[in-house]
PDB file of all heavy atoms in Angstrom:
ATOM      1  N   SER A   1     -23.445   2.060 -13.434  1.00  0.00           N
ATOM      2  CA  SER A   1     -22.735   3.316 -13.182  1.00  0.00           C
ATOM      3  C   SER A   1     -21.336   3.005 -12.660  1.00  0.00           C
ATOM      4  O   SER A   1     -21.146   2.035 -11.945  1.00  0.00           O
ATOM      5  CB  SER A   1     -23.503   4.166 -12.174  1.00  0.00           C
ATOM      6  OG  SER A   1     -23.607   3.476 -10.948  1.00  0.00           O
ATOM      7  N   PRO A   2     -20.346   3.806 -13.015  1.00  0.00           N
ATOM      8  CA  PRO A   2     -18.980   3.535 -12.568  1.00  0.00           C
ATOM      9  C   PRO A   2     -18.829   3.767 -11.075  1.00  0.00           C
ATOM     10  O   PRO A   2     -19.506   4.610 -10.488  1.00  0.00           O
ATOM     11  CB  PRO A   2     -18.139   4.541 -13.364  1.00  0.00           C
ATOM     12  CG  PRO A   2     -19.082   5.635 -13.717  1.00  0.00           C
ATOM     13  CD  PRO A   2     -20.435   4.984 -13.852  1.00  0.00           C
ATOM     14  N   ALA A   3     -17.943   3.011 -10.476  1.00  0.00           N
ATOM     15  CA  ALA A   3     -17.663   3.187  -9.057  1.00  0.00           C
ATOM     16  C   ALA A   3     -16.902   4.490  -8.866  1.00  0.00           C
ATOM     17  O   ALA A   3     -16.021   4.828  -9.643  1.00  0.00           O
ATOM     18  CB  ALA A   3     -16.852   2.011  -8.541  1.00  0.00           C
ATOM     19  N   SER A   4     -17.236   5.208  -7.853  1.00  0.00           N
ATOM     20  CA  SER A   4     -16.583   6.490  -7.627  1.00  0.00           C
ATOM     21  C   SER A   4     -15.716   6.483  -6.374  1.00  0.00           C
ATOM     22  O   SER A   4     -15.179   7.510  -5.993  1.00  0.00           O
ATOM     23  CB  SER A   4     -17.626   7.600  -7.532  1.00  0.00           C
ATOM     24  OG  SER A   4     -18.487   7.341  -6.444  1.00  0.00           O
ATOM     25  N   ALA A   5     -15.589   5.341  -5.731  1.00  0.00           N
ATOM     26  CA  ALA A   5     -14.787   5.276  -4.516  1.00  0.00           C
ATOM     27  C   ALA A   5     -13.304   5.329  -4.854  1.00  0.00           C
ATOM     28  O   ALA A   5     -12.853   4.746  -5.829  1.00  0.00           O
ATOM     29  CB  ALA A   5     -15.110   3.996  -3.763  1.00  0.00           C
ATOM     30  N   ALA A   6     -12.561   6.054  -4.072  1.00  0.00           N
ATOM     31  CA  ALA A   6     -11.118   6.158  -4.265  1.00  0.00           C
ATOM     32  C   ALA A   6     -10.423   5.180  -3.328  1.00  0.00           C
ATOM     33  O   ALA A   6     -10.936   4.836  -2.268  1.00  0.00           O
ATOM     34  CB  ALA A   6     -10.663   7.573  -3.974  1.00  0.00           C
ATOM     35  N   LEU A   7      -9.256   4.748  -3.727  1.00  0.00           N
ATOM     36  CA  LEU A   7      -8.462   3.859  -2.903  1.00  0.00           C
ATOM     37  C   LEU A   7      -7.906   4.654  -1.727  1.00  0.00           C
ATOM     38  O   LEU A   7      -7.209   5.660  -1.919  1.00  0.00           O
ATOM     39  CB  LEU A   7      -7.314   3.263  -3.726  1.00  0.00           C
ATOM     40  CG  LEU A   7      -6.348   2.359  -2.990  1.00  0.00           C
ATOM     41  CD1 LEU A   7      -7.062   1.113  -2.465  1.00  0.00           C
ATOM     42  CD2 LEU A   7      -5.219   1.954  -3.915  1.00  0.00           C
ATOM     43  N   THR A   8      -8.231   4.224  -0.524  1.00  0.00           N
ATOM     44  CA  THR A   8      -7.694   4.902   0.652  1.00  0.00           C
ATOM     45  C   THR A   8      -6.241   4.499   0.854  1.00  0.00           C
ATOM     46  O   THR A   8      -5.833   3.395   0.504  1.00  0.00           O
ATOM     47  CB  THR A   8      -8.498   4.548   1.919  1.00  0.00           C
ATOM     48  OG1 THR A   8      -8.469   3.142   2.108  1.00  0.00           O
ATOM     49  CG2 THR A   8      -9.942   5.015   1.809  1.00  0.00           C
ATOM     50  N   GLU A   9      -5.454   5.413   1.376  1.00  0.00           N
ATOM     51  CA  GLU A   9      -4.037   5.183   1.649  1.00  0.00           C
ATOM     52  C   GLU A   9      -3.213   4.922   0.386  1.00  0.00           C
ATOM     53  O   GLU A   9      -2.171   4.263   0.436  1.00  0.00           O
ATOM     54  CB  GLU A   9      -3.856   4.037   2.648  1.00  0.00           C
ATOM     55  CG  GLU A   9      -4.498   4.274   3.998  1.00  0.00           C
ATOM     56  CD  GLU A   9      -3.888   5.444   4.753  1.00  0.00           C
ATOM     57  OE1 GLU A   9      -2.666   5.623   4.732  1.00  0.00           O
ATOM     58  OE2 GLU A   9      -4.659   6.194   5.364  1.00  0.00           O
ATOM     59  N   ALA A  10      -3.665   5.433  -0.743  1.00  0.00           N
ATOM     60  CA  ALA A  10      -2.980   5.194  -2.019  1.00  0.00           C
ATOM     61  C   ALA A  10      -1.508   5.618  -1.993  1.00  0.00           C
ATOM     62  O   ALA A  10      -0.655   4.861  -2.473  1.00  0.00           O
ATOM     63  CB  ALA A  10      -3.728   5.879  -3.158  1.00  0.00           C
ATOM     64  N   PRO A  11      -1.157   6.775  -1.435  1.00  0.00           N
ATOM     65  CA  PRO A  11       0.268   7.144  -1.420  1.00  0.00           C
ATOM     66  C   PRO A  11       1.128   6.162  -0.621  1.00  0.00           C
ATOM     67  O   PRO A  11       2.236   5.816  -1.031  1.00  0.00           O
ATOM     68  CB  PRO A  11       0.286   8.527  -0.778  1.00  0.00           C
ATOM     69  CG  PRO A  11      -1.087   9.076  -1.025  1.00  0.00           C
ATOM     70  CD  PRO A  11      -1.996   7.882  -0.966  1.00  0.00           C
ATOM     71  N   ARG A  12       0.608   5.695   0.488  1.00  0.00           N
ATOM     72  CA  ARG A  12       1.363   4.720   1.299  1.00  0.00           C
ATOM     73  C   ARG A  12       1.500   3.393   0.562  1.00  0.00           C
ATOM     74  O   ARG A  12       2.565   2.761   0.595  1.00  0.00           O
ATOM     75  CB  ARG A  12       0.687   4.511   2.650  1.00  0.00           C
ATOM     76  CG  ARG A  12       0.806   5.733   3.544  1.00  0.00           C
ATOM     77  CD  ARG A  12       0.017   5.585   4.799  1.00  0.00           C
ATOM     78  NE  ARG A  12       0.763   4.782   5.774  1.00  0.00           N
ATOM     79  CZ  ARG A  12       0.312   4.527   6.990  1.00  0.00           C
ATOM     80  NH1 ARG A  12      -0.849   4.990   7.385  1.00  0.00           N
ATOM     81  NH2 ARG A  12       1.027   3.806   7.826  1.00  0.00           N
ATOM     82  N   LEU A  13       0.447   2.960  -0.100  1.00  0.00           N
ATOM     83  CA  LEU A  13       0.509   1.703  -0.847  1.00  0.00           C
ATOM     84  C   LEU A  13       1.447   1.825  -2.039  1.00  0.00           C
ATOM     85  O   LEU A  13       2.182   0.888  -2.365  1.00  0.00           O
ATOM     86  CB  LEU A  13      -0.896   1.274  -1.283  1.00  0.00           C
ATOM     87  CG  LEU A  13      -1.848   0.914  -0.136  1.00  0.00           C
ATOM     88  CD1 LEU A  13      -3.244   0.648  -0.669  1.00  0.00           C
ATOM     89  CD2 LEU A  13      -1.330  -0.268   0.664  1.00  0.00           C
ATOM     90  N   ALA A  14       1.453   2.979  -2.669  1.00  0.00           N
ATOM     91  CA  ALA A  14       2.380   3.199  -3.788  1.00  0.00           C
ATOM     92  C   ALA A  14       3.819   3.156  -3.301  1.00  0.00           C
ATOM     93  O   ALA A  14       4.707   2.626  -3.981  1.00  0.00           O
ATOM     94  CB  ALA A  14       2.074   4.538  -4.464  1.00  0.00           C
ATOM     95  N   ALA A  15       4.065   3.687  -2.108  1.00  0.00           N
ATOM     96  CA  ALA A  15       5.414   3.647  -1.534  1.00  0.00           C
ATOM     97  C   ALA A  15       5.837   2.205  -1.251  1.00  0.00           C
ATOM     98  O   ALA A  15       6.995   1.833  -1.479  1.00  0.00           O
ATOM     99  CB  ALA A  15       5.465   4.482  -0.264  1.00  0.00           C
ATOM    100  N   VAL A  16       4.907   1.388  -0.774  1.00  0.00           N
ATOM    101  CA  VAL A  16       5.199  -0.029  -0.544  1.00  0.00           C
ATOM    102  C   VAL A  16       5.562  -0.702  -1.866  1.00  0.00           C
ATOM    103  O   VAL A  16       6.544  -1.452  -1.946  1.00  0.00           O
ATOM    104  CB  VAL A  16       4.002  -0.748   0.120  1.00  0.00           C
ATOM    105  CG1 VAL A  16       4.242  -2.255   0.201  1.00  0.00           C
ATOM    106  CG2 VAL A  16       3.724  -0.187   1.497  1.00  0.00           C
ATOM    107  N   TYR A  17       4.801  -0.416  -2.895  1.00  0.00           N
ATOM    108  CA  TYR A  17       5.054  -1.007  -4.212  1.00  0.00           C
ATOM    109  C   TYR A  17       6.438  -0.607  -4.726  1.00  0.00           C
ATOM    110  O   TYR A  17       7.190  -1.449  -5.219  1.00  0.00           O
ATOM    111  CB  TYR A  17       3.960  -0.581  -5.185  1.00  0.00           C
ATOM    112  CG  TYR A  17       4.036  -1.276  -6.520  1.00  0.00           C
ATOM    113  CD1 TYR A  17       3.791  -2.637  -6.631  1.00  0.00           C
ATOM    114  CD2 TYR A  17       4.345  -0.561  -7.673  1.00  0.00           C
ATOM    115  CE1 TYR A  17       3.859  -3.275  -7.858  1.00  0.00           C
ATOM    116  CE2 TYR A  17       4.411  -1.196  -8.901  1.00  0.00           C
ATOM    117  CZ  TYR A  17       4.168  -2.553  -8.984  1.00  0.00           C
ATOM    118  OH  TYR A  17       4.237  -3.189 -10.199  1.00  0.00           O
ATOM    119  N   ASP A  18       6.795   0.654  -4.560  1.00  0.00           N
ATOM    120  CA  ASP A  18       8.127   1.114  -4.973  1.00  0.00           C
ATOM    121  C   ASP A  18       9.220   0.392  -4.193  1.00  0.00           C
ATOM    122  O   ASP A  18      10.259   0.027  -4.758  1.00  0.00           O
ATOM    123  CB  ASP A  18       8.263   2.619  -4.776  1.00  0.00           C
ATOM    124  CG  ASP A  18       7.461   3.422  -5.784  1.00  0.00           C
ATOM    125  OD1 ASP A  18       7.100   2.864  -6.849  1.00  0.00           O
ATOM    126  OD2 ASP A  18       7.189   4.613  -5.514  1.00  0.00           O
ATOM    127  N   THR A  19       8.988   0.174  -2.916  1.00  0.00           N
ATOM    128  CA  THR A  19       9.961  -0.539  -2.088  1.00  0.00           C
ATOM    129  C   THR A  19      10.105  -1.983  -2.558  1.00  0.00           C
ATOM    130  O   THR A  19      11.222  -2.515  -2.611  1.00  0.00           O
ATOM    131  CB  THR A  19       9.537  -0.487  -0.606  1.00  0.00           C
ATOM    132  OG1 THR A  19       9.394   0.882  -0.215  1.00  0.00           O
ATOM    133  CG2 THR A  19      10.555  -1.154   0.290  1.00  0.00           C
ATOM    134  N   ILE A  20       9.002  -2.617  -2.911  1.00  0.00           N
ATOM    135  CA  ILE A  20       9.048  -3.986  -3.441  1.00  0.00           C
ATOM    136  C   ILE A  20       9.857  -4.016  -4.730  1.00  0.00           C
ATOM    137  O   ILE A  20      10.722  -4.877  -4.910  1.00  0.00           O
ATOM    138  CB  ILE A  20       7.625  -4.534  -3.664  1.00  0.00           C
ATOM    139  CG1 ILE A  20       6.918  -4.751  -2.331  1.00  0.00           C
ATOM    140  CG2 ILE A  20       7.664  -5.837  -4.476  1.00  0.00           C
ATOM    141  CD1 ILE A  20       5.428  -5.011  -2.454  1.00  0.00           C
ATOM    142  N   LEU A  21       9.596  -3.062  -5.623  1.00  0.00           N
ATOM    143  CA  LEU A  21      10.319  -3.033  -6.898  1.00  0.00           C
ATOM    144  C   LEU A  21      11.799  -2.731  -6.713  1.00  0.00           C
ATOM    145  O   LEU A  21      12.610  -3.057  -7.582  1.00  0.00           O
ATOM    146  CB  LEU A  21       9.671  -2.032  -7.853  1.00  0.00           C
ATOM    147  CG  LEU A  21       8.263  -2.389  -8.323  1.00  0.00           C
ATOM    148  CD1 LEU A  21       7.739  -1.321  -9.265  1.00  0.00           C
ATOM    149  CD2 LEU A  21       8.228  -3.755  -8.983  1.00  0.00           C
ATOM    150  N   SER A  22      12.149  -2.144  -5.575  1.00  0.00           N
ATOM    151  CA  SER A  22      13.552  -1.896  -5.251  1.00  0.00           C
ATOM    152  C   SER A  22      14.182  -3.101  -4.537  1.00  0.00           C
ATOM    153  O   SER A  22      15.329  -3.034  -4.116  1.00  0.00           O
ATOM    154  CB  SER A  22      13.681  -0.663  -4.357  1.00  0.00           C
ATOM    155  OG  SER A  22      13.228   0.476  -5.041  1.00  0.00           O
ATOM    156  N   ALA A  23      13.414  -4.171  -4.400  1.00  0.00           N
ATOM    157  CA  ALA A  23      13.859  -5.423  -3.784  1.00  0.00           C
ATOM    158  C   ALA A  23      14.245  -5.248  -2.314  1.00  0.00           C
ATOM    159  O   ALA A  23      15.096  -5.952  -1.797  1.00  0.00           O
ATOM    160  CB  ALA A  23      14.996  -6.056  -4.578  1.00  0.00           C
ATOM    161  N   ARG A  24      13.579  -4.322  -1.634  1.00  0.00           N
ATOM    162  CA  ARG A  24      13.778  -4.129  -0.199  1.00  0.00           C
ATOM    163  C   ARG A  24      12.567  -4.745   0.517  1.00  0.00           C
ATOM    164  O   ARG A  24      11.702  -4.060   1.044  1.00  0.00           O
ATOM    165  CB  ARG A  24      13.942  -2.644   0.111  1.00  0.00           C
ATOM    166  CG  ARG A  24      15.179  -2.051  -0.546  1.00  0.00           C
ATOM    167  CD  ARG A  24      15.463  -0.615  -0.117  1.00  0.00           C
ATOM    168  NE  ARG A  24      14.277   0.212  -0.030  1.00  0.00           N
ATOM    169  CZ  ARG A  24      13.997   1.233  -0.857  1.00  0.00           C
ATOM    170  NH1 ARG A  24      14.820   1.536  -1.837  1.00  0.00           N
ATOM    171  NH2 ARG A  24      12.908   1.945  -0.700  1.00  0.00           N
ATOM    172  N   PHE A  25      12.526  -6.070   0.506  1.00  0.00           N
ATOM    173  CA  PHE A  25      11.343  -6.806   0.934  1.00  0.00           C
ATOM    174  C   PHE A  25      11.088  -6.689   2.435  1.00  0.00           C
ATOM    175  O   PHE A  25       9.924  -6.631   2.854  1.00  0.00           O
ATOM    176  CB  PHE A  25      11.444  -8.265   0.493  1.00  0.00           C
ATOM    177  CG  PHE A  25      11.645  -8.402  -0.986  1.00  0.00           C
ATOM    178  CD1 PHE A  25      12.841  -8.881  -1.499  1.00  0.00           C
ATOM    179  CD2 PHE A  25      10.653  -8.020  -1.875  1.00  0.00           C
ATOM    180  CE1 PHE A  25      13.033  -8.995  -2.868  1.00  0.00           C
ATOM    181  CE2 PHE A  25      10.841  -8.122  -3.245  1.00  0.00           C
ATOM    182  CZ  PHE A  25      12.032  -8.610  -3.740  1.00  0.00           C
ATOM    183  N   ASP A  26      12.132  -6.656   3.241  1.00  0.00           N
ATOM    184  CA  ASP A  26      11.939  -6.497   4.688  1.00  0.00           C
ATOM    185  C   ASP A  26      11.314  -5.140   5.004  1.00  0.00           C
ATOM    186  O   ASP A  26      10.411  -5.032   5.831  1.00  0.00           O
ATOM    187  CB  ASP A  26      13.263  -6.652   5.432  1.00  0.00           C
ATOM    188  CG  ASP A  26      13.788  -8.085   5.384  1.00  0.00           C
ATOM    189  OD1 ASP A  26      12.971  -9.008   5.172  1.00  0.00           O
ATOM    190  OD2 ASP A  26      15.003  -8.269   5.552  1.00  0.00           O
ATOM    191  N   GLN A  27      11.805  -4.113   4.327  1.00  0.00           N
ATOM    192  CA  GLN A  27      11.252  -2.777   4.530  1.00  0.00           C
ATOM    193  C   GLN A  27       9.801  -2.710   4.036  1.00  0.00           C
ATOM    194  O   GLN A  27       8.957  -2.068   4.660  1.00  0.00           O
ATOM    195  CB  GLN A  27      12.091  -1.728   3.820  1.00  0.00           C
ATOM    196  CG  GLN A  27      11.613  -0.320   4.070  1.00  0.00           C
ATOM    197  CD  GLN A  27      12.466   0.734   3.373  1.00  0.00           C
ATOM    198  OE1 GLN A  27      13.521   0.427   2.819  1.00  0.00           O
ATOM    199  NE2 GLN A  27      12.010   1.963   3.394  1.00  0.00           N
ATOM    200  N   ALA A  28       9.508  -3.378   2.927  1.00  0.00           N
ATOM    201  CA  ALA A  28       8.137  -3.400   2.410  1.00  0.00           C
ATOM    202  C   ALA A  28       7.194  -4.054   3.413  1.00  0.00           C
ATOM    203  O   ALA A  28       6.062  -3.599   3.594  1.00  0.00           O
ATOM    204  CB  ALA A  28       8.087  -4.130   1.072  1.00  0.00           C
ATOM    205  N   ASP A  29       7.656  -5.104   4.072  1.00  0.00           N
ATOM    206  CA  ASP A  29       6.835  -5.774   5.082  1.00  0.00           C
ATOM    207  C   ASP A  29       6.521  -4.829   6.234  1.00  0.00           C
ATOM    208  O   ASP A  29       5.383  -4.763   6.707  1.00  0.00           O
ATOM    209  CB  ASP A  29       7.560  -7.027   5.589  1.00  0.00           C
ATOM    210  CG  ASP A  29       6.688  -7.854   6.515  1.00  0.00           C
ATOM    211  OD1 ASP A  29       5.518  -8.099   6.171  1.00  0.00           O
ATOM    212  OD2 ASP A  29       7.187  -8.243   7.592  1.00  0.00           O
ATOM    213  N   VAL A  30       7.513  -4.067   6.672  1.00  0.00           N
ATOM    214  CA  VAL A  30       7.296  -3.084   7.747  1.00  0.00           C
ATOM    215  C   VAL A  30       6.300  -2.029   7.289  1.00  0.00           C
ATOM    216  O   VAL A  30       5.375  -1.661   8.027  1.00  0.00           O
ATOM    217  CB  VAL A  30       8.636  -2.440   8.170  1.00  0.00           C
ATOM    218  CG1 VAL A  30       8.407  -1.259   9.101  1.00  0.00           C
ATOM    219  CG2 VAL A  30       9.543  -3.476   8.825  1.00  0.00           C
ATOM    220  N   GLN A  31       6.469  -1.530   6.066  1.00  0.00           N
ATOM    221  CA  GLN A  31       5.551  -0.511   5.545  1.00  0.00           C
ATOM    222  C   GLN A  31       4.128  -1.041   5.465  1.00  0.00           C
ATOM    223  O   GLN A  31       3.171  -0.324   5.775  1.00  0.00           O
ATOM    224  CB  GLN A  31       6.003  -0.059   4.154  1.00  0.00           C
ATOM    225  CG  GLN A  31       7.235   0.809   4.157  1.00  0.00           C
ATOM    226  CD  GLN A  31       7.671   1.134   2.747  1.00  0.00           C
ATOM    227  OE1 GLN A  31       7.895   0.242   1.928  1.00  0.00           O
ATOM    228  NE2 GLN A  31       7.796   2.418   2.458  1.00  0.00           N
ATOM    229  N   LEU A  32       3.968  -2.293   5.045  1.00  0.00           N
ATOM    230  CA  LEU A  32       2.627  -2.879   4.951  1.00  0.00           C
ATOM    231  C   LEU A  32       1.987  -2.979   6.328  1.00  0.00           C
ATOM    232  O   LEU A  32       0.788  -2.714   6.484  1.00  0.00           O
ATOM    233  CB  LEU A  32       2.683  -4.263   4.298  1.00  0.00           C
ATOM    234  CG  LEU A  32       2.671  -4.274   2.788  1.00  0.00           C
ATOM    235  CD1 LEU A  32       2.951  -5.672   2.251  1.00  0.00           C
ATOM    236  CD2 LEU A  32       1.340  -3.772   2.250  1.00  0.00           C
ATOM    237  N   LYS A  33       2.769  -3.352   7.331  1.00  0.00           N
ATOM    238  CA  LYS A  33       2.215  -3.448   8.686  1.00  0.00           C
ATOM    239  C   LYS A  33       1.765  -2.086   9.195  1.00  0.00           C
ATOM    240  O   LYS A  33       0.802  -2.003   9.962  1.00  0.00           O
ATOM    241  CB  LYS A  33       3.249  -4.063   9.623  1.00  0.00           C
ATOM    242  CG  LYS A  33       3.445  -5.542   9.375  1.00  0.00           C
ATOM    243  CD  LYS A  33       4.527  -6.129  10.260  1.00  0.00           C
ATOM    244  CE  LYS A  33       4.728  -7.592   9.912  1.00  0.00           C
ATOM    245  NZ  LYS A  33       5.869  -8.188  10.615  1.00  0.00           N
ATOM    246  N   GLN A  34       2.427  -1.029   8.754  1.00  0.00           N
ATOM    247  CA  GLN A  34       2.036   0.320   9.173  1.00  0.00           C
ATOM    248  C   GLN A  34       0.833   0.835   8.397  1.00  0.00           C
ATOM    249  O   GLN A  34       0.024   1.595   8.924  1.00  0.00           O
ATOM    250  CB  GLN A  34       3.214   1.278   8.998  1.00  0.00           C
ATOM    251  CG  GLN A  34       4.371   0.979   9.916  1.00  0.00           C
ATOM    252  CD  GLN A  34       5.614   1.789   9.588  1.00  0.00           C
ATOM    253  OE1 GLN A  34       5.698   2.444   8.558  1.00  0.00           O
ATOM    254  NE2 GLN A  34       6.595   1.733  10.469  1.00  0.00           N
ATOM    255  N   ALA A  35       0.706   0.423   7.146  1.00  0.00           N
ATOM    256  CA  ALA A  35      -0.374   0.934   6.288  1.00  0.00           C
ATOM    257  C   ALA A  35      -1.664   0.132   6.394  1.00  0.00           C
ATOM    258  O   ALA A  35      -2.735   0.637   6.053  1.00  0.00           O
ATOM    259  CB  ALA A  35       0.091   0.953   4.828  1.00  0.00           C
ATOM    260  N   CYS A  36      -1.576  -1.095   6.853  1.00  0.00           N
ATOM    261  CA  CYS A  36      -2.740  -1.999   6.838  1.00  0.00           C
ATOM    262  C   CYS A  36      -3.135  -2.414   8.239  1.00  0.00           C
ATOM    263  O   CYS A  36      -2.377  -3.154   8.875  1.00  0.00           O
ATOM    264  CB  CYS A  36      -2.404  -3.228   6.016  1.00  0.00           C
ATOM    265  SG  CYS A  36      -1.831  -2.837   4.357  1.00  0.00           S
ATOM    266  N   PRO A  37      -4.317  -2.108   8.722  1.00  0.00           N
ATOM    267  CA  PRO A  37      -5.194  -1.055   8.254  1.00  0.00           C
ATOM    268  C   PRO A  37      -4.609   0.317   8.555  1.00  0.00           C
ATOM    269  O   PRO A  37      -3.657   0.378   9.317  1.00  0.00           O
ATOM    270  CB  PRO A  37      -6.474  -1.301   9.028  1.00  0.00           C
ATOM    271  CG  PRO A  37      -6.065  -2.036  10.269  1.00  0.00           C
ATOM    272  CD  PRO A  37      -4.795  -2.735   9.942  1.00  0.00           C
ATOM    273  N   PRO A  38      -5.100   1.319   8.000  1.00  0.00           N
ATOM    274  CA  PRO A  38      -6.403   1.619   7.429  1.00  0.00           C
ATOM    275  C   PRO A  38      -6.533   1.334   5.934  1.00  0.00           C
ATOM    276  O   PRO A  38      -7.626   1.438   5.401  1.00  0.00           O
ATOM    277  CB  PRO A  38      -6.572   3.111   7.690  1.00  0.00           C
ATOM    278  CG  PRO A  38      -5.197   3.653   7.660  1.00  0.00           C
ATOM    279  CD  PRO A  38      -4.326   2.554   8.208  1.00  0.00           C
ATOM    280  N   ALA A  39      -5.439   0.979   5.250  1.00  0.00           N
ATOM    281  CA  ALA A  39      -5.565   0.649   3.825  1.00  0.00           C
ATOM    282  C   ALA A  39      -6.448  -0.588   3.675  1.00  0.00           C
ATOM    283  O   ALA A  39      -6.512  -1.429   4.576  1.00  0.00           O
ATOM    284  CB  ALA A  39      -4.186   0.389   3.236  1.00  0.00           C
ATOM    285  N   PRO A  40      -7.141  -0.718   2.548  1.00  0.00           N
ATOM    286  CA  PRO A  40      -8.031  -1.862   2.336  1.00  0.00           C
ATOM    287  C   PRO A  40      -7.259  -3.184   2.380  1.00  0.00           C
ATOM    288  O   PRO A  40      -6.168  -3.307   1.823  1.00  0.00           O
ATOM    289  CB  PRO A  40      -8.606  -1.628   0.935  1.00  0.00           C
ATOM    290  CG  PRO A  40      -8.374  -0.191   0.647  1.00  0.00           C
ATOM    291  CD  PRO A  40      -7.164   0.214   1.427  1.00  0.00           C
ATOM    292  N   GLU A  41      -7.834  -4.158   3.048  1.00  0.00           N
ATOM    293  CA  GLU A  41      -7.182  -5.451   3.213  1.00  0.00           C
ATOM    294  C   GLU A  41      -6.889  -6.117   1.875  1.00  0.00           C
ATOM    295  O   GLU A  41      -5.853  -6.758   1.709  1.00  0.00           O
ATOM    296  CB  GLU A  41      -8.035  -6.376   4.099  1.00  0.00           C
ATOM    297  CG  GLU A  41      -7.357  -7.693   4.425  1.00  0.00           C
ATOM    298  CD  GLU A  41      -5.986  -7.544   5.095  1.00  0.00           C
ATOM    299  OE1 GLU A  41      -5.771  -6.575   5.836  1.00  0.00           O
ATOM    300  OE2 GLU A  41      -5.122  -8.411   4.854  1.00  0.00           O
ATOM    301  N   GLY A  42      -7.769  -5.964   0.911  1.00  0.00           N
ATOM    302  CA  GLY A  42      -7.534  -6.562  -0.411  1.00  0.00           C
ATOM    303  C   GLY A  42      -6.287  -6.013  -1.079  1.00  0.00           C
ATOM    304  O   GLY A  42      -5.498  -6.750  -1.682  1.00  0.00           O
TER     305      GLY A  42
END
């Protein structure tokens, strides 16, 4: 059966990804520290 769990903190993680793609790596590091946890460690 397919997994039905949703990714927690998806909007925050998507924002981190956008920041990385904008090459703002220092800001992405700050965002990751704020999002993780509660976002999944993986």
